[in-house]
Amino acid sequence: MNDTSPEVAELMRERLLARSGAERVLMGSLAFDAARAMVLASFPTGLSEIEIKRRLCERLYGNEVDVDAFVEHLQVIGGTPDETR
């Protein structure tokens, strides 16, 4: 659903493009950090670090990422036993 008028959307686009590339990257980074914090706050307490990363990956990236391969990679680089299955 988009309830923004075309005039307001164009004004917002112009203002966004008037910012420097560095400012736009920072805005995107801050938006991602806020989304990540909200997702993390929705998780139950007591999850292992790998389970937190698994759930975060699933929630943020959905089917765009092979979550099982991501978890396997985390286990290889961390030397962690399989805690999620």
N, C-alpha and C. Protein backbone atom coordinates (compact mmCIF):
# COMPACT_ATOMS: atom_id res chain seq x y z
N MET A 1 0.85 -1.18 0.00
CA MET A 1 0.00 0.00 0.00
C MET A 1 0.89 1.23 0.00
N ASN A 2 0.54 2.18 -0.80
CA ASN A 2 1.28 3.43 -0.85
C ASN A 2 0.27 4.57 -0.74
N ASP A 3 0.28 5.26 0.39
CA ASP A 3 -0.66 6.35 0.58
C ASP A 3 0.01 7.72 0.47
N THR A 4 1.21 7.75 -0.11
CA THR A 4 1.94 9.00 -0.30
C THR A 4 1.59 9.59 -1.66
N SER A 5 1.24 10.85 -1.66
CA SER A 5 0.90 11.49 -2.94
C SER A 5 2.15 11.57 -3.82
N PRO A 6 1.97 11.57 -5.12
CA PRO A 6 3.13 11.66 -6.02
C PRO A 6 3.97 12.92 -5.78
N GLU A 7 3.32 14.02 -5.43
CA GLU A 7 4.04 15.28 -5.18
C GLU A 7 4.96 15.15 -3.96
N VAL A 8 4.43 14.56 -2.90
CA VAL A 8 5.24 14.38 -1.69
C VAL A 8 6.35 13.36 -1.94
N ALA A 9 6.04 12.30 -2.66
CA ALA A 9 7.06 11.30 -2.97
C ALA A 9 8.20 11.93 -3.77
N GLU A 10 7.89 12.77 -4.73
CA GLU A 10 8.92 13.44 -5.53
C GLU A 10 9.73 14.40 -4.66
N LEU A 11 9.10 15.12 -3.77
CA LEU A 11 9.81 16.03 -2.86
C LEU A 11 10.78 15.24 -1.98
N MET A 12 10.33 14.11 -1.44
CA MET A 12 11.20 13.28 -0.60
C MET A 12 12.37 12.74 -1.41
N ARG A 13 12.10 12.32 -2.63
CA ARG A 13 13.17 11.81 -3.50
C ARG A 13 14.20 12.90 -3.77
N GLU A 14 13.74 14.09 -4.08
CA GLU A 14 14.66 15.21 -4.33
C GLU A 14 15.52 15.51 -3.11
N ARG A 15 14.89 15.52 -1.95
CA ARG A 15 15.64 15.80 -0.72
C ARG A 15 16.65 14.70 -0.42
N LEU A 16 16.27 13.46 -0.66
CA LEU A 16 17.20 12.35 -0.43
C LEU A 16 18.39 12.45 -1.38
N LEU A 17 18.12 12.71 -2.66
CA LEU A 17 19.20 12.80 -3.64
C LEU A 17 20.07 14.03 -3.46
N ALA A 18 19.57 15.03 -2.72
CA ALA A 18 20.37 16.23 -2.44
C ALA A 18 21.44 15.94 -1.38
N ARG A 19 21.29 14.85 -0.65
CA ARG A 19 22.28 14.47 0.36
C ARG A 19 23.49 13.85 -0.31
N SER A 20 24.59 13.88 0.39
CA SER A 20 25.80 13.25 -0.14
C SER A 20 25.65 11.73 -0.08
N GLY A 21 26.48 11.04 -0.84
CA GLY A 21 26.47 9.59 -0.80
C GLY A 21 26.74 9.07 0.60
N ALA A 22 27.67 9.71 1.30
CA ALA A 22 28.01 9.29 2.66
C ALA A 22 26.80 9.44 3.59
N GLU A 23 26.06 10.53 3.43
CA GLU A 23 24.87 10.73 4.27
C GLU A 23 23.81 9.66 3.97
N ARG A 24 23.65 9.32 2.70
CA ARG A 24 22.66 8.30 2.34
C ARG A 24 23.06 6.92 2.87
N VAL A 25 24.36 6.61 2.81
CA VAL A 25 24.83 5.34 3.37
C VAL A 25 24.58 5.31 4.87
N LEU A 26 24.88 6.40 5.54
CA LEU A 26 24.65 6.47 6.99
C LEU A 26 23.16 6.30 7.31
N MET A 27 22.29 6.93 6.54
CA MET A 27 20.84 6.78 6.77
C MET A 27 20.43 5.31 6.63
N GLY A 28 20.93 4.65 5.59
CA GLY A 28 20.61 3.24 5.39
C GLY A 28 21.13 2.38 6.52
N SER A 29 22.33 2.68 6.96
CA SER A 29 22.93 1.91 8.06
C SER A 29 22.14 2.08 9.35
N LEU A 30 21.74 3.30 9.63
CA LEU A 30 20.96 3.56 10.85
C LEU A 30 19.59 2.88 10.78
N ALA A 31 18.97 2.87 9.59
CA ALA A 31 17.68 2.20 9.43
C ALA A 31 17.85 0.70 9.65
N PHE A 32 18.92 0.12 9.11
CA PHE A 32 19.17 -1.31 9.30
C PHE A 32 19.40 -1.61 10.78
N ASP A 33 20.19 -0.78 11.46
CA ASP A 33 20.45 -0.98 12.89
C ASP A 33 19.15 -0.96 13.69
N ALA A 34 18.24 -0.05 13.34
CA ALA A 34 16.96 0.03 14.05
C ALA A 34 16.12 -1.23 13.79
N ALA A 35 16.08 -1.68 12.54
CA ALA A 35 15.33 -2.89 12.21
C ALA A 35 15.91 -4.09 12.94
N ARG A 36 17.24 -4.19 12.97
CA ARG A 36 17.91 -5.30 13.65
C ARG A 36 17.57 -5.30 15.14
N ALA A 37 17.60 -4.12 15.75
CA ALA A 37 17.29 -4.02 17.19
C ALA A 37 15.85 -4.47 17.48
N MET A 38 14.92 -4.09 16.60
CA MET A 38 13.52 -4.50 16.81
C MET A 38 13.36 -6.01 16.67
N VAL A 39 14.05 -6.59 15.69
CA VAL A 39 13.96 -8.04 15.50
C VAL A 39 14.57 -8.74 16.72
N LEU A 40 15.74 -8.30 17.15
CA LEU A 40 16.38 -8.94 18.31
C LEU A 40 15.51 -8.85 19.55
N ALA A 41 14.81 -7.73 19.72
CA ALA A 41 13.95 -7.55 20.90
C ALA A 41 12.77 -8.52 20.89
N SER A 42 12.43 -9.05 19.72
CA SER A 42 11.28 -9.95 19.63
C SER A 42 11.64 -11.40 19.95
N PHE A 43 12.93 -11.71 20.07
CA PHE A 43 13.36 -13.08 20.33
C PHE A 43 13.21 -13.44 21.80
N PRO A 44 12.94 -14.71 22.09
CA PRO A 44 12.91 -15.13 23.50
C PRO A 44 14.31 -15.09 24.10
N THR A 45 14.38 -14.96 25.39
CA THR A 45 15.68 -14.94 26.06
C THR A 45 16.25 -16.36 26.12
N GLY A 46 17.55 -16.43 26.32
CA GLY A 46 18.19 -17.72 26.52
C GLY A 46 18.62 -18.44 25.26
N LEU A 47 18.52 -17.80 24.11
CA LEU A 47 18.95 -18.44 22.87
C LEU A 47 20.47 -18.42 22.78
N SER A 48 21.03 -19.45 22.14
CA SER A 48 22.48 -19.46 21.92
C SER A 48 22.82 -18.39 20.89
N GLU A 49 24.09 -18.04 20.83
CA GLU A 49 24.55 -17.03 19.88
C GLU A 49 24.24 -17.45 18.44
N ILE A 50 24.46 -18.73 18.14
CA ILE A 50 24.19 -19.20 16.78
C ILE A 50 22.70 -19.19 16.49
N GLU A 51 21.86 -19.53 17.45
CA GLU A 51 20.42 -19.51 17.22
C GLU A 51 19.93 -18.08 17.00
N ILE A 52 20.50 -17.14 17.73
CA ILE A 52 20.15 -15.73 17.52
C ILE A 52 20.51 -15.32 16.10
N LYS A 53 21.71 -15.68 15.66
CA LYS A 53 22.14 -15.33 14.31
C LYS A 53 21.29 -16.02 13.25
N ARG A 54 20.91 -17.27 13.50
CA ARG A 54 20.04 -18.00 12.58
C ARG A 54 18.71 -17.28 12.43
N ARG A 55 18.08 -16.97 13.54
CA ARG A 55 16.78 -16.33 13.51
C ARG A 55 16.85 -14.94 12.90
N LEU A 56 17.91 -14.22 13.21
CA LEU A 56 18.09 -12.88 12.65
C LEU A 56 18.24 -12.97 11.13
N CYS A 57 19.02 -13.91 10.66
CA CYS A 57 19.21 -14.11 9.23
C CYS A 57 17.88 -14.47 8.56
N GLU A 58 17.13 -15.38 9.17
CA GLU A 58 15.83 -15.78 8.61
C GLU A 58 14.88 -14.59 8.52
N ARG A 59 14.84 -13.80 9.59
CA ARG A 59 13.88 -12.69 9.65
C ARG A 59 14.26 -11.56 8.70
N LEU A 60 15.55 -11.25 8.62
CA LEU A 60 15.96 -10.12 7.78
C LEU A 60 16.07 -10.47 6.31
N TYR A 61 16.47 -11.69 6.00
CA TYR A 61 16.75 -12.03 4.60
C TYR A 61 15.81 -13.06 4.01
N GLY A 62 15.03 -13.75 4.82
CA GLY A 62 14.07 -14.71 4.31
C GLY A 62 14.69 -15.74 3.39
N ASN A 63 14.09 -15.93 2.24
CA ASN A 63 14.57 -16.93 1.29
C ASN A 63 15.74 -16.46 0.44
N GLU A 64 16.21 -15.25 0.67
CA GLU A 64 17.33 -14.72 -0.11
C GLU A 64 18.66 -15.36 0.28
N VAL A 65 18.71 -15.98 1.46
CA VAL A 65 19.95 -16.55 1.99
C VAL A 65 19.70 -18.00 2.37
N ASP A 66 20.67 -18.85 2.11
CA ASP A 66 20.61 -20.24 2.56
C ASP A 66 21.00 -20.25 4.04
N VAL A 67 20.00 -20.23 4.90
CA VAL A 67 20.23 -20.09 6.34
C VAL A 67 21.02 -21.27 6.89
N ASP A 68 20.73 -22.48 6.42
CA ASP A 68 21.47 -23.65 6.91
C ASP A 68 22.96 -23.53 6.56
N ALA A 69 23.27 -23.08 5.35
CA ALA A 69 24.67 -22.89 4.95
C ALA A 69 25.32 -21.80 5.79
N PHE A 70 24.56 -20.75 6.10
CA PHE A 70 25.06 -19.67 6.94
C PHE A 70 25.43 -20.21 8.33
N VAL A 71 24.54 -21.03 8.91
CA VAL A 71 24.80 -21.60 10.23
C VAL A 71 26.00 -22.54 10.18
N GLU A 72 26.09 -23.35 9.14
CA GLU A 72 27.26 -24.23 9.00
C GLU A 72 28.55 -23.42 8.94
N HIS A 73 28.52 -22.32 8.21
CA HIS A 73 29.69 -21.44 8.14
C HIS A 73 30.04 -20.90 9.53
N LEU A 74 29.04 -20.46 10.28
CA LEU A 74 29.29 -19.95 11.63
C LEU A 74 29.92 -21.02 12.51
N GLN A 75 29.46 -22.25 12.36
CA GLN A 75 30.00 -23.34 13.16
C GLN A 75 31.45 -23.64 12.78
N VAL A 76 31.76 -23.57 11.49
CA VAL A 76 33.13 -23.82 11.04
C VAL A 76 34.08 -22.74 11.54
N ILE A 77 33.68 -21.49 11.39
CA ILE A 77 34.60 -20.41 11.79
C ILE A 77 34.68 -20.26 13.30
N GLY A 78 33.62 -20.71 14.00
CA GLY A 78 33.62 -20.58 15.45
C GLY A 78 33.99 -21.85 16.18
N GLY A 79 34.08 -22.95 15.45
CA GLY A 79 34.36 -24.23 16.10
C GLY A 79 33.28 -24.64 17.06
N THR A 80 32.03 -24.19 16.79
CA THR A 80 30.93 -24.45 17.69
C THR A 80 30.18 -25.71 17.29
N PRO A 81 29.82 -26.56 18.24
CA PRO A 81 29.01 -27.74 17.90
C PRO A 81 27.65 -27.32 17.38
N ASP A 82 26.99 -28.21 16.69
CA ASP A 82 25.68 -27.96 16.11
C ASP A 82 24.67 -27.79 17.25
N GLU A 83 24.26 -26.56 17.52
CA GLU A 83 23.35 -26.26 18.63
C GLU A 83 21.93 -26.03 18.16
N THR A 84 21.69 -26.03 16.86
CA THR A 84 20.40 -25.57 16.38
C THR A 84 19.52 -26.67 15.81
N ARG A 85 19.94 -27.89 15.82
CA ARG A 85 19.12 -28.96 15.23
C ARG A 85 18.82 -30.03 16.24
